Amino acid sequence: MAVLQIKRSNVPGHDPSTLAEGELAANVADGVLYLGLADGSIVKFYSSNVRGVVTIEALTYYFLVNNSPFTSIYFDCFNEDTLTKDGSPVPEYHQNQTYYHCFDGSILLTDDVINSQDTLYRFLLHYETTEVNDTTPDITIEYSINQGNTWNTLDNNKIDDIVLISGGFNTLRFKFIFNNECYFNSFGVCYNYDFNQYTSDTRMFETLTVDQDYAAPKEITIPNGSTYTTNNKSLEIYLNRARLIPTVDYEEVDSRTVRFLVDLKQNDIVIFTEKYGYVDTSIDNKSRLDYEHNEQGQHIFTDLTTGTKYRLAVDNGNIILIEQ
């Protein structure tokens, strides 16, 4: 019996450069089928198994590379039609490529992605999309902690960032509202069972417009009396959107001053920023990290009960608190 075989490659990641209209090709290593279109472009068709594996790895990599503190992760890579389709036009599910084709006005709803007997306090959402017609996907996301009875809009600044629910929650579901056409490929949620609350808010953010040309080295004082932690780790400096490298492009002088090791030009934009980091601010702790600074740029702790301020020190190998 004759076997029909199309143009193919067994080299992972190898795509055909050109295909005639209606011509087929395959990458048998990646499980991808290619079709040549009339305009000369090529479209890919993924097997559901291969695309699912790639998507899970991508989501896992995102959470791990961003050092997101979590106990568990929920993934949905759409190997099956798991979401409720709503809105107008209604999204189209494509099982062969494991994605939802969504349009302006489409809505996708999850069931409870979390249903826990223990009370949770924070979650982090990440999703993956593909552009259509070179248009960046625009999605409004709502979440519900009472099984869809009421909905809260997720701040766009909190996408891919930790969301705190101060009163805690036991269930969590999402509503994805699409404001333009795109492919919705997958989403993941990480969450934690501990009772600590965390923040990744920005402590300091100052912008400086350079008033004239300066040759390196040049010491600059951060505007508005702002300070930072002098450890070559916490401070981030951007010069015209390019992040500078500590000890290479600049040096920390003290908690208010930076010595630039690169030339500065008039009207250059310099951004100084420092984040809190993931700091325990749960109400059952007796003290918390307020990130005030003394003259040496050291962090100051405040006792919540008495209001007394302390700094950390080391005495014979033991960490102690010294009153300020």
C-alpha atoms as a PDB file:
ATOM      1  CA  MET A   1       0.000   0.000   0.000  1.00  0.00           C
ATOM      2  CA  ALA A   2       1.442   3.380  -1.015  1.00  0.00           C
ATOM      3  CA  VAL A   3       2.150   5.899   1.763  1.00  0.00           C
ATOM      4  CA  LEU A   4       1.807   9.600   0.998  1.00  0.00           C
ATOM      5  CA  GLN A   5       4.558  11.652   2.646  1.00  0.00           C
ATOM      6  CA  ILE A   6       4.767  15.431   2.532  1.00  0.00           C
ATOM      7  CA  LYS A   7       7.803  17.699   2.783  1.00  0.00           C
ATOM      8  CA  ARG A   8       9.145  17.259   6.330  1.00  0.00           C
ATOM      9  CA  SER A   9      11.987  17.909   8.763  1.00  0.00           C
ATOM     10  CA  ASN A  10      13.070  16.049  11.898  1.00  0.00           C
ATOM     11  CA  VAL A  11      15.165  18.953  13.211  1.00  0.00           C
ATOM     12  CA  PRO A  12      13.511  20.609  16.258  1.00  0.00           C
ATOM     13  CA  GLY A  13      12.660  24.264  15.672  1.00  0.00           C
ATOM     14  CA  HIS A  14      13.255  24.101  11.898  1.00  0.00           C
ATOM     15  CA  ASP A  15      10.503  25.929   9.976  1.00  0.00           C
ATOM     16  CA  PRO A  16      10.115  25.995   6.163  1.00  0.00           C
ATOM     17  CA  SER A  17      11.119  29.332   4.638  1.00  0.00           C
ATOM     18  CA  THR A  18       8.646  29.207   1.735  1.00  0.00           C
ATOM     19  CA  LEU A  19       5.644  27.105   0.743  1.00  0.00           C
ATOM     20  CA  ALA A  20       3.533  27.315  -2.388  1.00  0.00           C
ATOM     21  CA  GLU A  21      -0.197  28.031  -2.112  1.00  0.00           C
ATOM     22  CA  GLY A  22      -1.847  24.938  -0.643  1.00  0.00           C
ATOM     23  CA  GLU A  23       1.483  23.156  -0.076  1.00  0.00           C
ATOM     24  CA  LEU A  24       1.894  21.212   3.164  1.00  0.00           C
ATOM     25  CA  ALA A  25       5.000  20.560   5.241  1.00  0.00           C
ATOM     26  CA  ALA A  26       5.643  19.092   8.674  1.00  0.00           C
ATOM     27  CA  ASN A  27       8.179  19.133  11.482  1.00  0.00           C
ATOM     28  CA  VAL A  28       7.948  15.591  12.829  1.00  0.00           C
ATOM     29  CA  ALA A  29      10.178  16.422  15.811  1.00  0.00           C
ATOM     30  CA  ASP A  30       7.986  19.269  17.063  1.00  0.00           C
ATOM     31  CA  GLY A  31       4.617  17.890  15.904  1.00  0.00           C
ATOM     32  CA  VAL A  32       3.881  20.963  13.762  1.00  0.00           C
ATOM     33  CA  LEU A  33       2.085  21.085  10.394  1.00  0.00           C
ATOM     34  CA  TYR A  34       2.569  24.010   7.983  1.00  0.00           C
ATOM     35  CA  LEU A  35       0.249  25.281   5.234  1.00  0.00           C
ATOM     36  CA  GLY A  36       1.182  27.760   2.480  1.00  0.00           C
ATOM     37  CA  LEU A  37      -1.415  30.514   1.917  1.00  0.00           C
ATOM     38  CA  ALA A  38      -2.271  32.462  -1.223  1.00  0.00           C
ATOM     39  CA  ASP A  39      -0.473  35.587   0.006  1.00  0.00           C
ATOM     40  CA  GLY A  40       2.778  33.663   0.451  1.00  0.00           C
ATOM     41  CA  SER A  41       2.564  33.456   4.244  1.00  0.00           C
ATOM     42  CA  ILE A  42       2.705  30.222   6.233  1.00  0.00           C
ATOM     43  CA  VAL A  43       0.458  29.161   9.119  1.00  0.00           C
ATOM     44  CA  LYS A  44       1.362  26.606  11.775  1.00  0.00           C
ATOM     45  CA  PHE A  45      -0.885  23.911  13.268  1.00  0.00           C
ATOM     46  CA  TYR A  46       0.257  22.418  16.572  1.00  0.00           C
ATOM     47  CA  SER A  47      -0.674  19.052  18.021  1.00  0.00           C
ATOM     48  CA  SER A  48      -2.547  19.494  21.295  1.00  0.00           C
ATOM     49  CA  ASN A  49      -0.027  17.408  23.238  1.00  0.00           C
ATOM     50  CA  VAL A  50       3.020  19.322  22.083  1.00  0.00           C
ATOM     51  CA  ARG A  51       1.464  22.746  22.528  1.00  0.00           C
ATOM     52  CA  GLY A  52       0.214  21.825  25.985  1.00  0.00           C
ATOM     53  CA  VAL A  53       3.670  20.806  27.173  1.00  0.00           C
ATOM     54  CA  VAL A  54       5.255  23.967  25.804  1.00  0.00           C
ATOM     55  CA  THR A  55       2.632  26.165  27.440  1.00  0.00           C
ATOM     56  CA  ILE A  56       2.964  24.524  30.862  1.00  0.00           C
ATOM     57  CA  GLU A  57       6.727  24.939  30.722  1.00  0.00           C
ATOM     58  CA  ALA A  58       6.314  28.582  29.784  1.00  0.00           C
ATOM     59  CA  LEU A  59       3.925  29.265  32.660  1.00  0.00           C
ATOM     60  CA  THR A  60       6.106  27.404  35.154  1.00  0.00           C
ATOM     61  CA  TYR A  61       9.165  29.268  33.913  1.00  0.00           C
ATOM     62  CA  TYR A  62       7.358  32.588  34.359  1.00  0.00           C
ATOM     63  CA  PHE A  63       6.485  31.907  37.982  1.00  0.00           C
ATOM     64  CA  LEU A  64       9.910  30.535  38.874  1.00  0.00           C
ATOM     65  CA  VAL A  65      12.036  33.115  37.090  1.00  0.00           C
ATOM     66  CA  ASN A  66      10.121  35.916  38.805  1.00  0.00           C
ATOM     67  CA  ASN A  67      10.699  34.299  42.208  1.00  0.00           C
ATOM     68  CA  SER A  68       6.987  34.268  42.961  1.00  0.00           C
ATOM     69  CA  PRO A  69       6.460  32.813  46.450  1.00  0.00           C
ATOM     70  CA  PHE A  70       3.766  30.154  46.240  1.00  0.00           C
ATOM     71  CA  THR A  71       2.626  26.831  47.628  1.00  0.00           C
ATOM     72  CA  SER A  72       0.545  25.602  44.683  1.00  0.00           C
ATOM     73  CA  ILE A  73      -0.143  26.470  41.049  1.00  0.00           C
ATOM     74  CA  TYR A  74      -3.283  25.912  38.978  1.00  0.00           C
ATOM     75  CA  PHE A  75      -2.755  25.624  35.191  1.00  0.00           C
ATOM     76  CA  ASP A  76      -5.211  25.457  32.325  1.00  0.00           C
ATOM     77  CA  CYS A  77      -3.622  24.941  28.903  1.00  0.00           C
ATOM     78  CA  PHE A  78      -6.954  24.234  27.188  1.00  0.00           C
ATOM     79  CA  ASN A  79      -6.319  20.678  26.054  1.00  0.00           C
ATOM     80  CA  GLU A  80     -10.086  20.471  26.555  1.00  0.00           C
ATOM     81  CA  ASP A  81     -12.881  23.052  26.292  1.00  0.00           C
ATOM     82  CA  THR A  82     -12.821  23.878  30.013  1.00  0.00           C
ATOM     83  CA  LEU A  83     -14.031  27.504  30.070  1.00  0.00           C
ATOM     84  CA  THR A  84     -17.583  28.851  29.775  1.00  0.00           C
ATOM     85  CA  LYS A  85     -17.968  30.839  26.539  1.00  0.00           C
ATOM     86  CA  ASP A  86     -20.105  33.996  26.678  1.00  0.00           C
ATOM     87  CA  GLY A  87     -20.376  37.490  25.254  1.00  0.00           C
ATOM     88  CA  SER A  88     -20.898  38.541  21.650  1.00  0.00           C
ATOM     89  CA  PRO A  89     -19.320  37.245  19.514  1.00  0.00           C
ATOM     90  CA  VAL A  90     -18.926  34.030  21.491  1.00  0.00           C
ATOM     91  CA  PRO A  91     -15.285  32.786  21.620  1.00  0.00           C
ATOM     92  CA  GLU A  92     -14.370  29.838  19.405  1.00  0.00           C
ATOM     93  CA  TYR A  93     -12.525  26.875  20.907  1.00  0.00           C
ATOM     94  CA  HIS A  94      -9.886  25.186  18.737  1.00  0.00           C
ATOM     95  CA  GLN A  95      -8.992  21.804  20.181  1.00  0.00           C
ATOM     96  CA  ASN A  96      -6.327  21.000  17.588  1.00  0.00           C
ATOM     97  CA  GLN A  97      -4.305  24.036  18.669  1.00  0.00           C
ATOM     98  CA  THR A  98      -5.610  24.238  22.256  1.00  0.00           C
ATOM     99  CA  TYR A  99      -6.611  27.899  22.306  1.00  0.00           C
ATOM    100  CA  TYR A 100      -9.696  30.126  22.292  1.00  0.00           C
ATOM    101  CA  HIS A 101     -10.185  32.515  19.371  1.00  0.00           C
ATOM    102  CA  CYS A 102     -11.674  35.609  21.029  1.00  0.00           C
ATOM    103  CA  PHE A 103     -13.145  38.804  19.593  1.00  0.00           C
ATOM    104  CA  ASP A 104     -14.124  42.280  20.772  1.00  0.00           C
ATOM    105  CA  GLY A 105     -16.986  41.544  23.190  1.00  0.00           C
ATOM    106  CA  SER A 106     -16.093  37.895  23.851  1.00  0.00           C
ATOM    107  CA  ILE A 107     -16.088  36.601  27.438  1.00  0.00           C
ATOM    108  CA  LEU A 108     -14.513  33.499  28.994  1.00  0.00           C
ATOM    109  CA  LEU A 109     -15.374  32.390  32.528  1.00  0.00           C
ATOM    110  CA  THR A 110     -13.682  29.827  34.734  1.00  0.00           C
ATOM    111  CA  ASP A 111     -15.197  27.653  37.391  1.00  0.00           C
ATOM    112  CA  ASP A 112     -13.561  27.848  40.830  1.00  0.00           C
ATOM    113  CA  VAL A 113      -9.849  27.456  40.170  1.00  0.00           C
ATOM    114  CA  ILE A 114      -9.361  27.442  43.941  1.00  0.00           C
ATOM    115  CA  ASN A 115     -11.708  25.761  46.395  1.00  0.00           C
ATOM    116  CA  SER A 116      -9.915  25.418  49.704  1.00  0.00           C
ATOM    117  CA  GLN A 117     -10.936  24.621  53.263  1.00  0.00           C
ATOM    118  CA  ASP A 118      -7.999  26.754  54.424  1.00  0.00           C
ATOM    119  CA  THR A 119      -8.170  30.538  54.153  1.00  0.00           C
ATOM    120  CA  LEU A 120      -5.904  32.091  51.532  1.00  0.00           C
ATOM    121  CA  TYR A 121      -4.737  35.684  51.388  1.00  0.00           C
ATOM    122  CA  ARG A 122      -2.911  36.215  48.107  1.00  0.00           C
ATOM    123  CA  PHE A 123      -2.736  35.040  44.520  1.00  0.00           C
ATOM    124  CA  LEU A 124      -0.859  35.850  41.324  1.00  0.00           C
ATOM    125  CA  LEU A 125      -2.367  35.475  37.847  1.00  0.00           C
ATOM    126  CA  HIS A 126      -0.465  35.018  34.592  1.00  0.00           C
ATOM    127  CA  TYR A 127      -1.888  34.332  31.126  1.00  0.00           C
ATOM    128  CA  GLU A 128      -0.569  33.851  27.594  1.00  0.00           C
ATOM    129  CA  THR A 129      -2.062  35.237  24.398  1.00  0.00           C
ATOM    130  CA  THR A 130      -1.165  35.549  20.732  1.00  0.00           C
ATOM    131  CA  GLU A 131      -1.703  38.699  18.681  1.00  0.00           C
ATOM    132  CA  VAL A 132      -4.015  38.852  15.687  1.00  0.00           C
ATOM    133  CA  ASN A 133      -3.224  41.406  12.953  1.00  0.00           C
ATOM    134  CA  ASP A 134      -0.281  42.759  14.992  1.00  0.00           C
ATOM    135  CA  THR A 135      -2.647  44.164  17.623  1.00  0.00           C
ATOM    136  CA  THR A 136      -1.662  43.802  21.277  1.00  0.00           C
ATOM    137  CA  PRO A 137      -4.387  41.814  23.108  1.00  0.00           C
ATOM    138  CA  ASP A 138      -6.565  43.990  25.348  1.00  0.00           C
ATOM    139  CA  ILE A 139      -8.266  42.034  28.140  1.00  0.00           C
ATOM    140  CA  THR A 140     -10.231  43.187  31.189  1.00  0.00           C
ATOM    141  CA  ILE A 141     -10.018  40.651  34.010  1.00  0.00           C
ATOM    142  CA  GLU A 142     -12.459  40.282  36.887  1.00  0.00           C
ATOM    143  CA  TYR A 143     -12.242  37.897  39.830  1.00  0.00           C
ATOM    144  CA  SER A 144     -14.782  36.595  42.303  1.00  0.00           C
ATOM    145  CA  ILE A 145     -14.213  35.111  45.752  1.00  0.00           C
ATOM    146  CA  ASN A 146     -17.868  34.166  46.271  1.00  0.00           C
ATOM    147  CA  GLN A 147     -18.474  31.848  43.303  1.00  0.00           C
ATOM    148  CA  GLY A 148     -19.543  34.574  40.889  1.00  0.00           C
ATOM    149  CA  ASN A 149     -22.104  36.390  43.047  1.00  0.00           C
ATOM    150  CA  THR A 150     -20.030  39.582  42.876  1.00  0.00           C
ATOM    151  CA  TRP A 151     -17.046  40.509  40.726  1.00  0.00           C
ATOM    152  CA  ASN A 152     -14.017  42.723  41.260  1.00  0.00           C
ATOM    153  CA  THR A 153     -11.986  44.215  38.409  1.00  0.00           C
ATOM    154  CA  LEU A 154      -8.322  43.298  38.608  1.00  0.00           C
ATOM    155  CA  ASP A 155      -6.082  46.364  38.419  1.00  0.00           C
ATOM    156  CA  ASN A 156      -3.997  46.194  35.223  1.00  0.00           C
ATOM    157  CA  ASN A 157      -0.957  47.037  37.340  1.00  0.00           C
ATOM    158  CA  LYS A 158      -1.595  43.858  39.342  1.00  0.00           C
ATOM    159  CA  ILE A 159      -1.438  41.499  36.365  1.00  0.00           C
ATOM    160  CA  ASP A 160       1.620  39.322  37.001  1.00  0.00           C
ATOM    161  CA  ASP A 161       1.876  40.758  40.516  1.00  0.00           C
ATOM    162  CA  ILE A 162       0.705  39.614  43.938  1.00  0.00           C
ATOM    163  CA  VAL A 163      -2.911  40.458  44.773  1.00  0.00           C
ATOM    164  CA  LEU A 164      -3.773  40.727  48.464  1.00  0.00           C
ATOM    165  CA  ILE A 165      -7.236  39.913  49.814  1.00  0.00           C
ATOM    166  CA  SER A 166      -7.035  41.253  53.369  1.00  0.00           C
ATOM    167  CA  GLY A 167     -10.139  39.406  54.544  1.00  0.00           C
ATOM    168  CA  GLY A 168      -8.975  36.132  53.013  1.00  0.00           C
ATOM    169  CA  PHE A 169     -10.774  33.841  50.582  1.00  0.00           C
ATOM    170  CA  ASN A 170     -11.564  30.162  50.086  1.00  0.00           C
ATOM    171  CA  THR A 171     -12.745  30.158  46.462  1.00  0.00           C
ATOM    172  CA  LEU A 172     -11.507  32.040  43.416  1.00  0.00           C
ATOM    173  CA  ARG A 173     -12.706  32.250  39.815  1.00  0.00           C
ATOM    174  CA  PHE A 174     -11.981  34.580  36.877  1.00  0.00           C
ATOM    175  CA  LYS A 175     -13.802  36.335  34.052  1.00  0.00           C
ATOM    176  CA  PHE A 176     -11.791  37.351  30.967  1.00  0.00           C
ATOM    177  CA  ILE A 177     -13.470  40.117  28.936  1.00  0.00           C
ATOM    178  CA  PHE A 178     -11.883  40.680  25.511  1.00  0.00           C
ATOM    179  CA  ASN A 179     -11.718  44.163  24.007  1.00  0.00           C
ATOM    180  CA  ASN A 180     -10.176  43.110  20.704  1.00  0.00           C
ATOM    181  CA  GLU A 181      -9.430  39.992  18.676  1.00  0.00           C
ATOM    182  CA  CYS A 182      -6.703  37.625  19.938  1.00  0.00           C
ATOM    183  CA  TYR A 183      -5.899  33.996  20.707  1.00  0.00           C
ATOM    184  CA  PHE A 184      -6.122  33.055  24.394  1.00  0.00           C
ATOM    185  CA  ASN A 185      -3.596  30.252  24.915  1.00  0.00           C
ATOM    186  CA  SER A 186      -3.463  29.477  28.635  1.00  0.00           C
ATOM    187  CA  PHE A 187      -3.499  30.891  32.135  1.00  0.00           C
ATOM    188  CA  GLY A 188      -2.086  29.987  35.522  1.00  0.00           C
ATOM    189  CA  VAL A 189      -2.661  31.036  39.125  1.00  0.00           C
ATOM    190  CA  CYS A 190      -0.240  30.575  42.002  1.00  0.00           C
ATOM    191  CA  TYR A 191      -1.350  30.912  45.620  1.00  0.00           C
ATOM    192  CA  ASN A 192      -0.192  30.233  49.141  1.00  0.00           C
ATOM    193  CA  TYR A 193      -1.767  28.753  52.257  1.00  0.00           C
ATOM    194  CA  ASP A 194       0.261  30.703  54.832  1.00  0.00           C
ATOM    195  CA  PHE A 195      -1.245  33.544  56.836  1.00  0.00           C
ATOM    196  CA  ASN A 196       1.377  36.140  55.965  1.00  0.00           C
ATOM    197  CA  GLN A 197       0.560  39.093  53.782  1.00  0.00           C
ATOM    198  CA  TYR A 198       3.118  40.479  51.383  1.00  0.00           C
ATOM    199  CA  THR A 199       3.671  43.542  49.281  1.00  0.00           C
ATOM    200  CA  SER A 200       5.776  44.266  46.216  1.00  0.00           C
ATOM    201  CA  ASP A 201       4.814  47.952  46.058  1.00  0.00           C
ATOM    202  CA  THR A 202       7.353  50.571  45.108  1.00  0.00           C
ATOM    203  CA  ARG A 203       8.844  52.418  48.077  1.00  0.00           C
ATOM    204  CA  MET A 204      10.746  55.048  46.145  1.00  0.00           C
ATOM    205  CA  PHE A 205      10.290  56.327  42.585  1.00  0.00           C
ATOM    206  CA  GLU A 206      11.924  59.587  41.545  1.00  0.00           C
ATOM    207  CA  THR A 207      12.537  61.083  38.108  1.00  0.00           C
ATOM    208  CA  LEU A 208      15.313  63.564  37.287  1.00  0.00           C
ATOM    209  CA  THR A 209      15.840  65.568  34.089  1.00  0.00           C
ATOM    210  CA  VAL A 210      19.547  66.362  33.730  1.00  0.00           C
ATOM    211  CA  ASP A 211      19.983  70.154  33.584  1.00  0.00           C
ATOM    212  CA  GLN A 212      23.298  70.219  31.655  1.00  0.00           C
ATOM    213  CA  ASP A 213      26.067  67.997  30.304  1.00  0.00           C
ATOM    214  CA  TYR A 214      28.178  66.247  32.967  1.00  0.00           C
ATOM    215  CA  ALA A 215      31.338  64.231  32.395  1.00  0.00           C
ATOM    216  CA  ALA A 216      31.826  61.112  34.514  1.00  0.00           C
ATOM    217  CA  PRO A 217      32.261  60.706  37.389  1.00  0.00           C
ATOM    218  CA  LYS A 218      29.389  62.880  38.624  1.00  0.00           C
ATOM    219  CA  GLU A 219      27.605  62.656  41.973  1.00  0.00           C
ATOM    220  CA  ILE A 220      23.840  63.186  41.863  1.00  0.00           C
ATOM    221  CA  THR A 221      21.510  63.571  44.843  1.00  0.00           C
ATOM    222  CA  ILE A 222      18.150  61.798  44.484  1.00  0.00           C
ATOM    223  CA  PRO A 223      15.343  64.382  44.248  1.00  0.00           C
ATOM    224  CA  ASN A 224      12.811  65.264  46.956  1.00  0.00           C
ATOM    225  CA  GLY A 225      14.958  63.998  49.820  1.00  0.00           C
ATOM    226  CA  SER A 226      14.298  60.355  48.899  1.00  0.00           C
ATOM    227  CA  THR A 227      16.614  57.623  50.179  1.00  0.00           C
ATOM    228  CA  TYR A 228      17.506  54.056  49.240  1.00  0.00           C
ATOM    229  CA  THR A 229      19.119  50.986  50.799  1.00  0.00           C
ATOM    230  CA  THR A 230      22.893  50.988  50.234  1.00  0.00           C
ATOM    231  CA  ASN A 231      23.576  47.346  49.369  1.00  0.00           C
ATOM    232  CA  ASN A 232      24.101  47.346  45.554  1.00  0.00           C
ATOM    233  CA  LYS A 233      20.910  45.254  45.272  1.00  0.00           C
ATOM    234  CA  SER A 234      17.778  47.251  46.094  1.00  0.00           C
ATOM    235  CA  LEU A 235      18.310  50.405  44.031  1.00  0.00           C
ATOM    236  CA  GLU A 236      17.482  50.414  40.324  1.00  0.00           C
ATOM    237  CA  ILE A 237      18.556  53.273  38.036  1.00  0.00           C
ATOM    238  CA  TYR A 238      17.371  53.809  34.467  1.00  0.00           C
ATOM    239  CA  LEU A 239      18.986  56.271  32.026  1.00  0.00           C
ATOM    240  CA  ASN A 240      16.702  57.040  29.083  1.00  0.00           C
ATOM    241  CA  ARG A 241      14.871  53.706  29.702  1.00  0.00           C
ATOM    242  CA  ALA A 242      18.103  51.659  29.820  1.00  0.00           C
ATOM    243  CA  ARG A 243      18.815  50.051  33.188  1.00  0.00           C
ATOM    244  CA  LEU A 244      22.280  50.870  34.541  1.00  0.00           C
ATOM    245  CA  ILE A 245      24.607  48.292  36.099  1.00  0.00           C
ATOM    246  CA  PRO A 246      25.804  48.918  39.685  1.00  0.00           C
ATOM    247  CA  THR A 247      29.585  49.327  40.128  1.00  0.00           C
ATOM    248  CA  VAL A 248      29.909  49.532  36.309  1.00  0.00           C
ATOM    249  CA  ASP A 249      27.649  52.465  35.372  1.00  0.00           C
ATOM    250  CA  TYR A 250      27.270  53.971  38.846  1.00  0.00           C
ATOM    251  CA  GLU A 251      28.397  53.655  42.461  1.00  0.00           C
ATOM    252  CA  GLU A 252      26.371  54.046  45.640  1.00  0.00           C
ATOM    253  CA  VAL A 253      27.797  56.875  47.745  1.00  0.00           C
ATOM    254  CA  ASP A 254      25.294  57.053  50.603  1.00  0.00           C
ATOM    255  CA  SER A 255      21.548  56.585  51.041  1.00  0.00           C
ATOM    256  CA  ARG A 256      20.817  59.819  49.174  1.00  0.00           C
ATOM    257  CA  THR A 257      23.618  60.094  46.628  1.00  0.00           C
ATOM    258  CA  VAL A 258      24.785  58.177  43.551  1.00  0.00           C
ATOM    259  CA  ARG A 259      28.052  58.621  41.632  1.00  0.00           C
ATOM    260  CA  PHE A 260      27.506  58.155  37.883  1.00  0.00           C
ATOM    261  CA  LEU A 261      30.384  56.519  36.009  1.00  0.00           C
ATOM    262  CA  VAL A 262      28.894  57.352  32.605  1.00  0.00           C
ATOM    263  CA  ASP A 263      28.532  60.761  31.001  1.00  0.00           C
ATOM    264  CA  LEU A 264      25.208  62.519  31.410  1.00  0.00           C
ATOM    265  CA  LYS A 265      23.751  64.755  28.722  1.00  0.00           C
ATOM    266  CA  GLN A 266      21.401  67.698  29.095  1.00  0.00           C
ATOM    267  CA  ASN A 267      17.731  66.560  29.077  1.00  0.00           C
ATOM    268  CA  ASP A 268      18.657  62.928  29.820  1.00  0.00           C
ATOM    269  CA  ILE A 269      15.927  61.271  31.898  1.00  0.00           C
ATOM    270  CA  VAL A 270      17.126  59.416  35.008  1.00  0.00           C
ATOM    271  CA  ILE A 271      14.775  57.242  37.060  1.00  0.00           C
ATOM    272  CA  PHE A 272      15.639  56.086  40.588  1.00  0.00           C
ATOM    273  CA  THR A 273      13.462  53.341  42.066  1.00  0.00           C
ATOM    274  CA  GLU A 274      13.502  50.881  44.963  1.00  0.00           C
ATOM    275  CA  LYS A 275      10.860  48.306  45.872  1.00  0.00           C
ATOM    276  CA  TYR A 276       9.887  47.051  49.290  1.00  0.00           C
ATOM    277  CA  GLY A 277      10.431  43.438  48.287  1.00  0.00           C
ATOM    278  CA  TYR A 278       8.226  40.712  49.753  1.00  0.00           C
ATOM    279  CA  VAL A 279       7.795  41.951  53.299  1.00  0.00           C
ATOM    280  CA  ASP A 280       5.733  40.249  55.995  1.00  0.00           C
ATOM    281  CA  THR A 281       3.085  42.718  57.192  1.00  0.00           C
ATOM    282  CA  SER A 282       0.604  40.275  58.718  1.00  0.00           C
ATOM    283  CA  ILE A 283      -1.416  41.544  61.668  1.00  0.00           C
ATOM    284  CA  ASP A 284      -0.246  38.752  63.988  1.00  0.00           C
ATOM    285  CA  ASN A 285       3.372  39.965  63.871  1.00  0.00           C
ATOM    286  CA  LYS A 286       4.572  42.259  66.650  1.00  0.00           C
ATOM    287  CA  SER A 287       6.828  44.273  64.356  1.00  0.00           C
ATOM    288  CA  ARG A 288       7.060  44.939  60.687  1.00  0.00           C
ATOM    289  CA  LEU A 289       9.548  46.333  58.195  1.00  0.00           C
ATOM    290  CA  ASP A 290       8.573  49.944  57.495  1.00  0.00           C
ATOM    291  CA  TYR A 291      11.664  50.679  55.391  1.00  0.00           C
ATOM    292  CA  GLU A 292      12.465  53.952  57.064  1.00  0.00           C
ATOM    293  CA  HIS A 293      16.184  54.769  57.049  1.00  0.00           C
ATOM    294  CA  ASN A 294      18.658  56.280  59.459  1.00  0.00           C
ATOM    295  CA  GLU A 295      21.519  58.519  58.335  1.00  0.00           C
ATOM    296  CA  GLN A 296      23.601  55.477  57.343  1.00  0.00           C
ATOM    297  CA  GLY A 297      20.854  54.154  55.071  1.00  0.00           C
ATOM    298  CA  GLN A 298      20.038  51.239  57.409  1.00  0.00           C
ATOM    299  CA  HIS A 299      16.476  49.952  57.658  1.00  0.00           C
ATOM    300  CA  ILE A 300      14.453  50.896  60.718  1.00  0.00           C
ATOM    301  CA  PHE A 301      11.927  48.522  62.329  1.00  0.00           C
ATOM    302  CA  THR A 302       8.887  49.907  64.163  1.00  0.00           C
ATOM    303  CA  ASP A 303       7.222  48.034  67.004  1.00  0.00           C
ATOM    304  CA  LEU A 304       3.497  48.228  66.265  1.00  0.00           C
ATOM    305  CA  THR A 305       2.517  48.179  69.931  1.00  0.00           C
ATOM    306  CA  THR A 306       4.837  50.841  71.377  1.00  0.00           C
ATOM    307  CA  GLY A 307       5.907  52.708  68.253  1.00  0.00           C
ATOM    308  CA  THR A 308       9.571  52.332  69.270  1.00  0.00           C
ATOM    309  CA  LYS A 309      12.022  52.295  66.369  1.00  0.00           C
ATOM    310  CA  TYR A 310      14.895  49.792  66.125  1.00  0.00           C
ATOM    311  CA  ARG A 311      17.633  48.800  63.722  1.00  0.00           C
ATOM    312  CA  LEU A 312      19.238  45.392  63.318  1.00  0.00           C
ATOM    313  CA  ALA A 313      22.816  44.752  64.442  1.00  0.00           C
ATOM    314  CA  VAL A 314      25.087  41.756  64.999  1.00  0.00           C
ATOM    315  CA  ASP A 315      26.671  41.130  68.410  1.00  0.00           C
ATOM    316  CA  ASN A 316      29.016  38.133  68.766  1.00  0.00           C
ATOM    317  CA  GLY A 317      27.238  36.376  65.942  1.00  0.00           C
ATOM    318  CA  ASN A 318      23.747  37.097  67.326  1.00  0.00           C
ATOM    319  CA  ILE A 319      21.232  39.393  65.603  1.00  0.00           C
ATOM    320  CA  ILE A 320      19.973  42.033  68.050  1.00  0.00           C
ATOM    321  CA  LEU A 321      17.685  45.101  67.916  1.00  0.00           C
ATOM    322  CA  ILE A 322      19.133  48.489  68.847  1.00  0.00           C
ATOM    323  CA  GLU A 323      16.746  51.283  69.738  1.00  0.00           C
ATOM    324  CA  GLN A 324      17.052  54.421  67.611  1.00  0.00           C
END
